[in-house]
Amino acid sequence: QDLFLEPAPPADFQAALDLGQDPTAFPHFWQRCIGSGHMLLGTRQDWRQHLKLARDELGMQQIRGHGIFDDDMSVVPEKGAGYEFYNVDQVFDYLVELKMRPIVELSFMPS
């Protein structure tokens, strides 16, 4: 069976609601999160200024970005040469400085 061509059968799902209960708060955590492109942008001064502005003026507390281990971050500068986390450290150190929490997306990996 090719998982990419045939849709999965629908799963059974049951839910029970007690509408007599008092409602509870539902935190909208996504309203305090901003998205970025590749995390290499975090090494740029203009991007950093914009992120700080989003934190200060919009109240953003989290950032989601991708490509933290992508080739443009130079984590693997040469095959067999080990790992280099300089750019990763630069980005995360700045997020720590701003007291912003990263949502790490492990998507692109070194080739």
C-alpha atoms as a PDB file:
ATOM      1  CA  GLN A   1       0.000   0.000   0.000  1.00  0.00           C
ATOM      2  CA  ASP A   2       1.383   3.365  -1.005  1.00  0.00           C
ATOM      3  CA  LEU A   3       0.672   5.759   1.856  1.00  0.00           C
ATOM      4  CA  PHE A   4       1.026   8.803  -0.384  1.00  0.00           C
ATOM      5  CA  LEU A   5      -1.643   7.781  -2.880  1.00  0.00           C
ATOM      6  CA  GLU A   6      -4.377   6.219  -0.775  1.00  0.00           C
ATOM      7  CA  PRO A   7      -6.124   8.211   1.944  1.00  0.00           C
ATOM      8  CA  ALA A   8      -6.246   6.628   5.365  1.00  0.00           C
ATOM      9  CA  PRO A   9      -9.636   5.318   6.455  1.00  0.00           C
ATOM     10  CA  PRO A  10     -11.475   7.693   8.783  1.00  0.00           C
ATOM     11  CA  ALA A  11     -10.865   7.030  12.458  1.00  0.00           C
ATOM     12  CA  ASP A  12     -13.743   6.625  14.884  1.00  0.00           C
ATOM     13  CA  PHE A  13     -14.015   9.546  17.253  1.00  0.00           C
ATOM     14  CA  GLN A  14     -16.336  10.172  20.155  1.00  0.00           C
ATOM     15  CA  ALA A  15     -16.587  13.237  22.355  1.00  0.00           C
ATOM     16  CA  ALA A  16     -18.722  14.024  25.362  1.00  0.00           C
ATOM     17  CA  LEU A  17     -19.596  17.581  26.329  1.00  0.00           C
ATOM     18  CA  ASP A  18     -21.061  18.696  29.624  1.00  0.00           C
ATOM     19  CA  LEU A  19     -22.688  22.000  28.759  1.00  0.00           C
ATOM     20  CA  GLY A  20     -23.774  22.436  32.370  1.00  0.00           C
ATOM     21  CA  GLN A  21     -20.197  23.047  33.542  1.00  0.00           C
ATOM     22  CA  ASP A  22     -18.806  26.543  33.925  1.00  0.00           C
ATOM     23  CA  PRO A  23     -16.592  27.445  30.972  1.00  0.00           C
ATOM     24  CA  THR A  24     -12.844  27.563  31.465  1.00  0.00           C
ATOM     25  CA  ALA A  25     -10.338  29.871  29.880  1.00  0.00           C
ATOM     26  CA  PHE A  26      -8.742  28.665  26.677  1.00  0.00           C
ATOM     27  CA  PRO A  27      -5.347  30.338  26.323  1.00  0.00           C
ATOM     28  CA  HIS A  28      -4.678  31.592  22.823  1.00  0.00           C
ATOM     29  CA  PHE A  29      -0.937  30.992  22.960  1.00  0.00           C
ATOM     30  CA  TRP A  30      -0.628  31.412  19.190  1.00  0.00           C
ATOM     31  CA  GLN A  31      -1.570  35.078  19.504  1.00  0.00           C
ATOM     32  CA  ARG A  32       1.766  35.730  21.219  1.00  0.00           C
ATOM     33  CA  CYS A  33       3.836  33.868  18.608  1.00  0.00           C
ATOM     34  CA  ILE A  34       5.388  35.315  15.482  1.00  0.00           C
ATOM     35  CA  GLY A  35       6.616  33.332  12.503  1.00  0.00           C
ATOM     36  CA  SER A  36       9.907  33.771  10.726  1.00  0.00           C
ATOM     37  CA  GLY A  37      11.458  32.371   7.606  1.00  0.00           C
ATOM     38  CA  HIS A  38      14.767  30.551   7.747  1.00  0.00           C
ATOM     39  CA  MET A  39      16.478  31.076  11.061  1.00  0.00           C
ATOM     40  CA  LEU A  40      19.544  32.441   9.256  1.00  0.00           C
ATOM     41  CA  LEU A  41      17.564  35.686   9.193  1.00  0.00           C
ATOM     42  CA  GLY A  42      18.220  35.824  12.942  1.00  0.00           C
ATOM     43  CA  THR A  43      21.852  36.684  12.205  1.00  0.00           C
ATOM     44  CA  ARG A  44      20.812  39.913  10.438  1.00  0.00           C
ATOM     45  CA  GLN A  45      20.693  43.164  12.375  1.00  0.00           C
ATOM     46  CA  ASP A  46      17.557  44.476  10.600  1.00  0.00           C
ATOM     47  CA  TRP A  47      15.671  41.246  11.401  1.00  0.00           C
ATOM     48  CA  ARG A  48      16.726  41.545  15.036  1.00  0.00           C
ATOM     49  CA  GLN A  49      15.459  45.116  15.219  1.00  0.00           C
ATOM     50  CA  HIS A  50      12.119  44.053  13.752  1.00  0.00           C
ATOM     51  CA  LEU A  51      11.802  41.125  16.162  1.00  0.00           C
ATOM     52  CA  LYS A  52      12.516  43.400  19.124  1.00  0.00           C
ATOM     53  CA  LEU A  53       9.892  45.829  17.827  1.00  0.00           C
ATOM     54  CA  ALA A  54       7.350  42.986  17.542  1.00  0.00           C
ATOM     55  CA  ARG A  55       8.135  41.959  21.113  1.00  0.00           C
ATOM     56  CA  ASP A  56       8.034  45.484  22.535  1.00  0.00           C
ATOM     57  CA  GLU A  57       5.032  46.874  20.663  1.00  0.00           C
ATOM     58  CA  LEU A  58       2.919  43.792  19.921  1.00  0.00           C
ATOM     59  CA  GLY A  59       3.730  41.699  22.984  1.00  0.00           C
ATOM     60  CA  MET A  60       5.131  38.747  21.042  1.00  0.00           C
ATOM     61  CA  GLN A  61       6.703  36.164  23.348  1.00  0.00           C
ATOM     62  CA  GLN A  62       7.536  33.266  21.048  1.00  0.00           C
ATOM     63  CA  ILE A  63       9.006  32.826  17.590  1.00  0.00           C
ATOM     64  CA  ARG A  64       8.706  29.939  15.190  1.00  0.00           C
ATOM     65  CA  GLY A  65      11.200  29.466  12.409  1.00  0.00           C
ATOM     66  CA  HIS A  66      12.619  26.727  10.280  1.00  0.00           C
ATOM     67  CA  GLY A  67      15.966  25.725   8.845  1.00  0.00           C
ATOM     68  CA  ILE A  68      17.948  25.883  12.086  1.00  0.00           C
ATOM     69  CA  PHE A  69      20.184  23.093  10.730  1.00  0.00           C
ATOM     70  CA  ASP A  70      19.848  24.021   7.048  1.00  0.00           C
ATOM     71  CA  ASP A  71      22.964  24.384   4.912  1.00  0.00           C
ATOM     72  CA  ASP A  72      22.797  28.181   5.061  1.00  0.00           C
ATOM     73  CA  MET A  73      23.353  27.991   8.846  1.00  0.00           C
ATOM     74  CA  SER A  74      26.734  26.294   8.173  1.00  0.00           C
ATOM     75  CA  VAL A  75      26.243  23.648  10.858  1.00  0.00           C
ATOM     76  CA  VAL A  76      28.163  21.176   8.682  1.00  0.00           C
ATOM     77  CA  PRO A  77      30.710  23.343   6.858  1.00  0.00           C
ATOM     78  CA  GLU A  78      32.400  20.378   5.151  1.00  0.00           C
ATOM     79  CA  LYS A  79      31.580  16.698   5.111  1.00  0.00           C
ATOM     80  CA  GLY A  80      33.546  14.913   7.818  1.00  0.00           C
ATOM     81  CA  ALA A  81      34.730  18.179   9.390  1.00  0.00           C
ATOM     82  CA  GLY A  82      32.415  18.013  12.408  1.00  0.00           C
ATOM     83  CA  TYR A  83      29.752  20.480  13.412  1.00  0.00           C
ATOM     84  CA  GLU A  84      29.795  24.242  13.787  1.00  0.00           C
ATOM     85  CA  PHE A  85      27.035  25.901  15.829  1.00  0.00           C
ATOM     86  CA  TYR A  86      28.200  29.510  15.621  1.00  0.00           C
ATOM     87  CA  ASN A  87      25.166  30.785  13.658  1.00  0.00           C
ATOM     88  CA  VAL A  88      22.758  28.668  15.722  1.00  0.00           C
ATOM     89  CA  ASP A  89      24.273  30.106  18.897  1.00  0.00           C
ATOM     90  CA  GLN A  90      24.034  33.657  17.547  1.00  0.00           C
ATOM     91  CA  VAL A  91      20.309  33.265  16.863  1.00  0.00           C
ATOM     92  CA  PHE A  92      19.423  31.544  20.133  1.00  0.00           C
ATOM     93  CA  ASP A  93      21.592  33.853  22.231  1.00  0.00           C
ATOM     94  CA  TYR A  94      19.644  36.794  20.835  1.00  0.00           C
ATOM     95  CA  LEU A  95      16.310  35.111  21.590  1.00  0.00           C
ATOM     96  CA  VAL A  96      17.473  34.483  25.160  1.00  0.00           C
ATOM     97  CA  GLU A  97      18.535  38.125  25.413  1.00  0.00           C
ATOM     98  CA  LEU A  98      15.008  39.169  24.371  1.00  0.00           C
ATOM     99  CA  LYS A  99      13.478  36.557  26.710  1.00  0.00           C
ATOM    100  CA  MET A 100      11.605  35.071  23.742  1.00  0.00           C
ATOM    101  CA  ARG A 101      10.878  31.354  23.561  1.00  0.00           C
ATOM    102  CA  PRO A 102      11.697  29.601  20.290  1.00  0.00           C
ATOM    103  CA  ILE A 103       9.434  27.030  18.741  1.00  0.00           C
ATOM    104  CA  VAL A 104      11.997  24.882  16.979  1.00  0.00           C
ATOM    105  CA  GLU A 105      10.948  23.322  13.704  1.00  0.00           C
ATOM    106  CA  LEU A 106      13.268  20.509  12.689  1.00  0.00           C
ATOM    107  CA  SER A 107      12.619  20.523   8.984  1.00  0.00           C
ATOM    108  CA  PHE A 108      15.558  21.211   6.701  1.00  0.00           C
ATOM    109  CA  MET A 109      18.710  19.317   7.566  1.00  0.00           C
ATOM    110  CA  PRO A 110      22.264  19.632   6.265  1.00  0.00           C
ATOM    111  CA  SER A 111      22.731  17.924   2.916  1.00  0.00           C
END
